[in-house]
Amino acid sequence: MIIPDPQITLEQQRAELCLELLNLEPLYVEPEIDPVDAARDSLHREGYAAKLRQLRRRLDEVDEALLRLARGEYGQCAWCGGGIDAARLEAYPAAALCIGYATRAEMEAEQDAA
């Protein structure tokens, strides 16, 4: 199996995310006339904000992965310092955590949200 060059993969992902951010339909909210329109606009604003947060978070992850690559730390878990499995990096090139710590972080986040 040939593993793609992470530099190229991450730069491509970064370009795609930047393009997606640029092409994100601008938020336009009609002046609130009645409660139905106000509710629709509120849902539209929430959806727009959620999409914007998601794209920016993913862009931040890719930028951080590019920094780790430049520092020679790409492929090392940010928590334990161990290696991140090549299959994980191929599936998710911006991965900063090994699968064990990624699972642990997700569980902690779920507990914090509850």
N, C-alpha and C. Protein backbone atom coordinates (compact mmCIF):
# COMPACT_ATOMS: atom_id res chain seq x y z
N MET A 1 0.84 -1.18 0.00
CA MET A 1 0.00 0.00 0.00
C MET A 1 0.89 1.24 0.00
N ILE A 2 0.56 2.19 -0.86
CA ILE A 2 1.31 3.43 -0.95
C ILE A 2 0.57 4.49 -0.14
N ILE A 3 1.28 5.07 0.84
CA ILE A 3 0.69 6.11 1.67
C ILE A 3 0.98 7.46 1.02
N PRO A 4 -0.06 8.26 0.80
CA PRO A 4 0.14 9.57 0.16
C PRO A 4 1.04 10.48 0.99
N ASP A 5 1.71 11.39 0.32
CA ASP A 5 2.57 12.37 1.00
C ASP A 5 1.68 13.26 1.87
N PRO A 6 1.92 13.28 3.20
CA PRO A 6 1.04 14.06 4.08
C PRO A 6 1.08 15.56 3.77
N GLN A 7 2.22 16.08 3.34
CA GLN A 7 2.32 17.51 3.01
C GLN A 7 1.33 17.85 1.89
N ILE A 8 1.36 17.06 0.85
CA ILE A 8 0.47 17.31 -0.30
C ILE A 8 -0.99 17.13 0.11
N THR A 9 -1.27 16.05 0.84
CA THR A 9 -2.64 15.79 1.27
C THR A 9 -3.17 16.91 2.14
N LEU A 10 -2.38 17.35 3.12
CA LEU A 10 -2.83 18.41 4.02
C LEU A 10 -2.99 19.74 3.29
N GLU A 11 -2.08 20.05 2.38
CA GLU A 11 -2.20 21.29 1.62
C GLU A 11 -3.43 21.27 0.72
N GLN A 12 -3.75 20.10 0.15
CA GLN A 12 -4.97 19.98 -0.66
C GLN A 12 -6.21 20.17 0.22
N GLN A 13 -6.20 19.54 1.39
CA GLN A 13 -7.34 19.71 2.30
C GLN A 13 -7.48 21.17 2.71
N ARG A 14 -6.37 21.82 2.98
CA ARG A 14 -6.41 23.23 3.38
C ARG A 14 -7.00 24.09 2.27
N ALA A 15 -6.57 23.85 1.03
CA ALA A 15 -7.10 24.61 -0.10
C ALA A 15 -8.60 24.38 -0.27
N GLU A 16 -9.04 23.13 -0.11
CA GLU A 16 -10.46 22.82 -0.23
C GLU A 16 -11.28 23.49 0.87
N LEU A 17 -10.77 23.48 2.09
CA LEU A 17 -11.48 24.12 3.20
C LEU A 17 -11.55 25.64 3.01
N CYS A 18 -10.45 26.24 2.56
CA CYS A 18 -10.45 27.68 2.31
C CYS A 18 -11.46 28.03 1.22
N LEU A 19 -11.51 27.24 0.18
CA LEU A 19 -12.46 27.47 -0.90
C LEU A 19 -13.89 27.32 -0.40
N GLU A 20 -14.11 26.30 0.42
CA GLU A 20 -15.45 26.09 0.98
C GLU A 20 -15.85 27.28 1.87
N LEU A 21 -14.91 27.80 2.64
CA LEU A 21 -15.20 28.98 3.47
C LEU A 21 -15.52 30.20 2.60
N LEU A 22 -14.74 30.37 1.54
CA LEU A 22 -14.98 31.51 0.65
C LEU A 22 -16.33 31.40 -0.06
N ASN A 23 -16.73 30.18 -0.37
CA ASN A 23 -17.97 29.97 -1.11
C ASN A 23 -19.18 29.79 -0.21
N LEU A 24 -18.96 29.83 1.09
CA LEU A 24 -20.08 29.70 2.01
C LEU A 24 -21.03 30.87 1.75
N GLU A 25 -22.27 30.54 1.50
CA GLU A 25 -23.24 31.58 1.18
C GLU A 25 -23.28 32.62 2.29
N PRO A 26 -23.14 33.88 1.94
CA PRO A 26 -23.15 34.92 2.97
C PRO A 26 -24.45 34.90 3.75
N LEU A 27 -24.33 35.22 5.00
CA LEU A 27 -25.50 35.24 5.86
C LEU A 27 -26.28 36.52 5.61
N TYR A 28 -27.50 36.35 5.18
CA TYR A 28 -28.40 37.48 5.00
C TYR A 28 -29.67 37.18 5.75
N VAL A 29 -30.04 38.05 6.60
CA VAL A 29 -31.24 37.84 7.40
C VAL A 29 -32.24 38.93 7.05
N GLU A 30 -33.41 38.49 6.70
CA GLU A 30 -34.49 39.43 6.39
C GLU A 30 -34.88 40.19 7.65
N PRO A 31 -35.29 41.42 7.50
CA PRO A 31 -35.83 42.12 8.67
C PRO A 31 -37.00 41.31 9.23
N GLU A 32 -37.00 41.14 10.51
CA GLU A 32 -38.02 40.29 11.13
C GLU A 32 -39.38 40.98 11.06
N ILE A 33 -40.28 40.34 10.32
CA ILE A 33 -41.61 40.89 10.11
C ILE A 33 -42.62 40.19 10.99
N ASP A 34 -42.59 38.88 10.98
CA ASP A 34 -43.54 38.13 11.81
C ASP A 34 -42.80 36.99 12.50
N PRO A 35 -43.41 36.35 13.48
CA PRO A 35 -42.75 35.29 14.25
C PRO A 35 -42.27 34.11 13.41
N VAL A 36 -43.00 33.76 12.37
CA VAL A 36 -42.59 32.64 11.51
C VAL A 36 -41.29 32.99 10.79
N ASP A 37 -41.23 34.20 10.23
CA ASP A 37 -40.00 34.63 9.55
C ASP A 37 -38.84 34.73 10.54
N ALA A 38 -39.13 35.23 11.72
CA ALA A 38 -38.08 35.36 12.74
C ALA A 38 -37.54 33.99 13.13
N ALA A 39 -38.41 33.01 13.27
CA ALA A 39 -37.97 31.65 13.61
C ALA A 39 -37.14 31.05 12.48
N ARG A 40 -37.59 31.25 11.25
CA ARG A 40 -36.85 30.72 10.10
C ARG A 40 -35.47 31.36 10.03
N ASP A 41 -35.41 32.67 10.23
CA ASP A 41 -34.12 33.37 10.20
C ASP A 41 -33.21 32.90 11.32
N SER A 42 -33.78 32.65 12.47
CA SER A 42 -32.99 32.17 13.61
C SER A 42 -32.37 30.80 13.30
N LEU A 43 -33.17 29.92 12.72
CA LEU A 43 -32.65 28.59 12.33
C LEU A 43 -31.57 28.74 11.27
N HIS A 44 -31.77 29.64 10.33
CA HIS A 44 -30.79 29.87 9.28
C HIS A 44 -29.47 30.38 9.87
N ARG A 45 -29.57 31.32 10.81
CA ARG A 45 -28.37 31.85 11.46
C ARG A 45 -27.63 30.76 12.23
N GLU A 46 -28.38 29.93 12.96
CA GLU A 46 -27.76 28.85 13.73
C GLU A 46 -27.06 27.85 12.82
N GLY A 47 -27.71 27.50 11.72
CA GLY A 47 -27.10 26.56 10.76
C GLY A 47 -25.85 27.13 10.13
N TYR A 48 -25.91 28.39 9.77
CA TYR A 48 -24.76 29.08 9.18
C TYR A 48 -23.60 29.12 10.17
N ALA A 49 -23.90 29.50 11.40
CA ALA A 49 -22.86 29.60 12.43
C ALA A 49 -22.23 28.24 12.70
N ALA A 50 -23.04 27.19 12.73
CA ALA A 50 -22.52 25.84 12.97
C ALA A 50 -21.61 25.40 11.83
N LYS A 51 -22.00 25.66 10.60
CA LYS A 51 -21.19 25.29 9.43
C LYS A 51 -19.87 26.08 9.44
N LEU A 52 -19.95 27.35 9.77
CA LEU A 52 -18.75 28.19 9.83
C LEU A 52 -17.79 27.69 10.91
N ARG A 53 -18.32 27.36 12.09
CA ARG A 53 -17.48 26.82 13.18
C ARG A 53 -16.81 25.51 12.76
N GLN A 54 -17.59 24.64 12.11
CA GLN A 54 -17.05 23.34 11.68
C GLN A 54 -15.91 23.53 10.68
N LEU A 55 -16.11 24.38 9.70
CA LEU A 55 -15.07 24.61 8.69
C LEU A 55 -13.82 25.23 9.31
N ARG A 56 -14.01 26.19 10.18
CA ARG A 56 -12.85 26.83 10.83
C ARG A 56 -12.11 25.85 11.74
N ARG A 57 -12.85 24.98 12.45
CA ARG A 57 -12.21 23.98 13.30
C ARG A 57 -11.38 23.01 12.46
N ARG A 58 -11.96 22.56 11.35
CA ARG A 58 -11.22 21.65 10.47
C ARG A 58 -9.99 22.32 9.87
N LEU A 59 -10.13 23.60 9.50
CA LEU A 59 -8.98 24.34 8.97
C LEU A 59 -7.89 24.49 10.03
N ASP A 60 -8.28 24.77 11.26
CA ASP A 60 -7.31 24.85 12.36
C ASP A 60 -6.59 23.51 12.55
N GLU A 61 -7.32 22.41 12.47
CA GLU A 61 -6.71 21.08 12.62
C GLU A 61 -5.68 20.82 11.52
N VAL A 62 -6.02 21.19 10.30
CA VAL A 62 -5.10 20.99 9.18
C VAL A 62 -3.88 21.89 9.35
N ASP A 63 -4.08 23.14 9.74
CA ASP A 63 -2.95 24.05 9.96
C ASP A 63 -2.03 23.52 11.06
N GLU A 64 -2.62 23.00 12.13
CA GLU A 64 -1.81 22.43 13.22
C GLU A 64 -1.03 21.21 12.73
N ALA A 65 -1.65 20.39 11.89
CA ALA A 65 -0.95 19.22 11.35
C ALA A 65 0.21 19.66 10.46
N LEU A 66 0.02 20.71 9.68
CA LEU A 66 1.11 21.22 8.84
C LEU A 66 2.27 21.74 9.71
N LEU A 67 1.93 22.37 10.84
CA LEU A 67 2.98 22.82 11.77
C LEU A 67 3.73 21.64 12.37
N ARG A 68 2.99 20.59 12.77
CA ARG A 68 3.65 19.40 13.32
C ARG A 68 4.56 18.77 12.27
N LEU A 69 4.12 18.78 11.03
CA LEU A 69 4.93 18.23 9.94
C LEU A 69 6.22 19.04 9.79
N ALA A 70 6.12 20.36 9.82
CA ALA A 70 7.29 21.23 9.69
C ALA A 70 8.26 21.06 10.85
N ARG A 71 7.73 20.78 12.05
CA ARG A 71 8.59 20.59 13.23
C ARG A 71 9.11 19.16 13.35
N GLY A 72 8.69 18.28 12.45
CA GLY A 72 9.12 16.89 12.52
C GLY A 72 8.36 16.08 13.55
N GLU A 73 7.19 16.56 13.97
CA GLU A 73 6.40 15.88 14.98
C GLU A 73 5.16 15.21 14.40
N TYR A 74 5.02 15.25 13.08
CA TYR A 74 3.84 14.66 12.45
C TYR A 74 3.85 13.15 12.67
N GLY A 75 2.70 12.63 13.05
CA GLY A 75 2.58 11.20 13.28
C GLY A 75 2.82 10.80 14.73
N GLN A 76 3.14 11.78 15.58
CA GLN A 76 3.32 11.53 17.01
C GLN A 76 2.10 12.04 17.76
N CYS A 77 1.61 11.24 18.70
CA CYS A 77 0.46 11.62 19.50
C CYS A 77 0.83 12.82 20.37
N ALA A 78 -0.02 13.83 20.35
CA ALA A 78 0.22 15.05 21.13
C ALA A 78 0.10 14.80 22.63
N TRP A 79 -0.56 13.73 23.05
CA TRP A 79 -0.73 13.45 24.47
C TRP A 79 0.32 12.49 25.01
N CYS A 80 0.54 11.39 24.30
CA CYS A 80 1.45 10.37 24.86
C CYS A 80 2.81 10.35 24.17
N GLY A 81 2.93 11.00 23.02
CA GLY A 81 4.20 11.02 22.30
C GLY A 81 4.45 9.78 21.48
N GLY A 82 3.57 8.80 21.59
CA GLY A 82 3.70 7.58 20.80
C GLY A 82 3.31 7.83 19.35
N GLY A 83 3.50 6.82 18.54
CA GLY A 83 3.17 6.95 17.13
C GLY A 83 1.68 6.82 16.86
N ILE A 84 1.23 7.54 15.86
CA ILE A 84 -0.14 7.41 15.38
C ILE A 84 -0.11 6.43 14.22
N ASP A 85 -1.00 5.46 14.25
CA ASP A 85 -1.04 4.41 13.25
C ASP A 85 -1.15 5.00 11.84
N ALA A 86 -0.40 4.44 10.89
CA ALA A 86 -0.40 4.93 9.51
C ALA A 86 -1.79 4.89 8.89
N ALA A 87 -2.57 3.87 9.21
CA ALA A 87 -3.93 3.77 8.66
C ALA A 87 -4.79 4.93 9.17
N ARG A 88 -4.59 5.31 10.43
CA ARG A 88 -5.34 6.45 10.99
C ARG A 88 -4.94 7.74 10.28
N LEU A 89 -3.64 7.93 10.06
CA LEU A 89 -3.16 9.13 9.38
C LEU A 89 -3.62 9.17 7.93
N GLU A 90 -3.72 8.00 7.31
CA GLU A 90 -4.20 7.97 5.93
C GLU A 90 -5.68 8.35 5.87
N ALA A 91 -6.46 7.87 6.84
CA ALA A 91 -7.88 8.17 6.88
C ALA A 91 -8.15 9.60 7.36
N TYR A 92 -7.32 10.07 8.28
CA TYR A 92 -7.51 11.38 8.89
C TYR A 92 -6.14 12.04 9.02
N PRO A 93 -5.63 12.65 7.95
CA PRO A 93 -4.27 13.18 7.95
C PRO A 93 -3.99 14.24 9.01
N ALA A 94 -5.02 14.90 9.52
CA ALA A 94 -4.82 15.95 10.53
C ALA A 94 -4.82 15.40 11.95
N ALA A 95 -4.88 14.09 12.10
CA ALA A 95 -4.95 13.48 13.43
C ALA A 95 -3.77 13.91 14.30
N ALA A 96 -4.10 14.36 15.52
CA ALA A 96 -3.07 14.78 16.46
C ALA A 96 -2.92 13.77 17.60
N LEU A 97 -3.89 12.86 17.70
CA LEU A 97 -3.88 11.89 18.79
C LEU A 97 -3.92 10.47 18.26
N CYS A 98 -3.26 9.56 18.97
CA CYS A 98 -3.37 8.15 18.63
C CYS A 98 -4.81 7.72 18.93
N ILE A 99 -5.22 6.57 18.45
CA ILE A 99 -6.61 6.15 18.59
C ILE A 99 -7.01 6.00 20.06
N GLY A 100 -6.10 5.54 20.89
CA GLY A 100 -6.40 5.38 22.31
C GLY A 100 -6.72 6.70 22.98
N TYR A 101 -5.89 7.70 22.73
CA TYR A 101 -6.13 9.00 23.35
C TYR A 101 -7.27 9.76 22.66
N ALA A 102 -7.48 9.52 21.37
CA ALA A 102 -8.61 10.16 20.69
C ALA A 102 -9.92 9.64 21.28
N THR A 103 -9.98 8.34 21.54
CA THR A 103 -11.16 7.74 22.15
C THR A 103 -11.37 8.30 23.55
N ARG A 104 -10.30 8.40 24.28
CA ARG A 104 -10.36 8.94 25.65
C ARG A 104 -10.84 10.40 25.64
N ALA A 105 -10.34 11.21 24.70
CA ALA A 105 -10.74 12.61 24.60
C ALA A 105 -12.22 12.72 24.25
N GLU A 106 -12.71 11.85 23.37
CA GLU A 106 -14.13 11.87 23.01
C GLU A 106 -15.00 11.52 24.21
N MET A 107 -14.57 10.52 24.99
CA MET A 107 -15.33 10.13 26.18
C MET A 107 -15.37 11.27 27.19
N GLU A 108 -14.24 11.95 27.38
CA GLU A 108 -14.20 13.07 28.31
C GLU A 108 -15.08 14.21 27.84
N ALA A 109 -15.08 14.46 26.52
CA ALA A 109 -15.91 15.52 25.98
C ALA A 109 -17.39 15.20 26.17
N GLU A 110 -17.76 13.94 25.98
CA GLU A 110 -19.15 13.52 26.20
C GLU A 110 -19.55 13.69 27.66
N GLN A 111 -18.64 13.35 28.58
CA GLN A 111 -18.92 13.50 29.98
C GLN A 111 -19.08 14.98 30.36
N ASP A 112 -18.25 15.84 29.78
CA ASP A 112 -18.33 17.27 30.04
C ASP A 112 -19.63 17.85 29.52
N ALA A 113 -20.10 17.32 28.39
CA ALA A 113 -21.34 17.82 27.77
C ALA A 113 -22.58 17.38 28.53
N ALA A 114 -22.46 16.27 29.27
CA ALA A 114 -23.63 15.74 29.99
C ALA A 114 -23.94 16.50 31.25
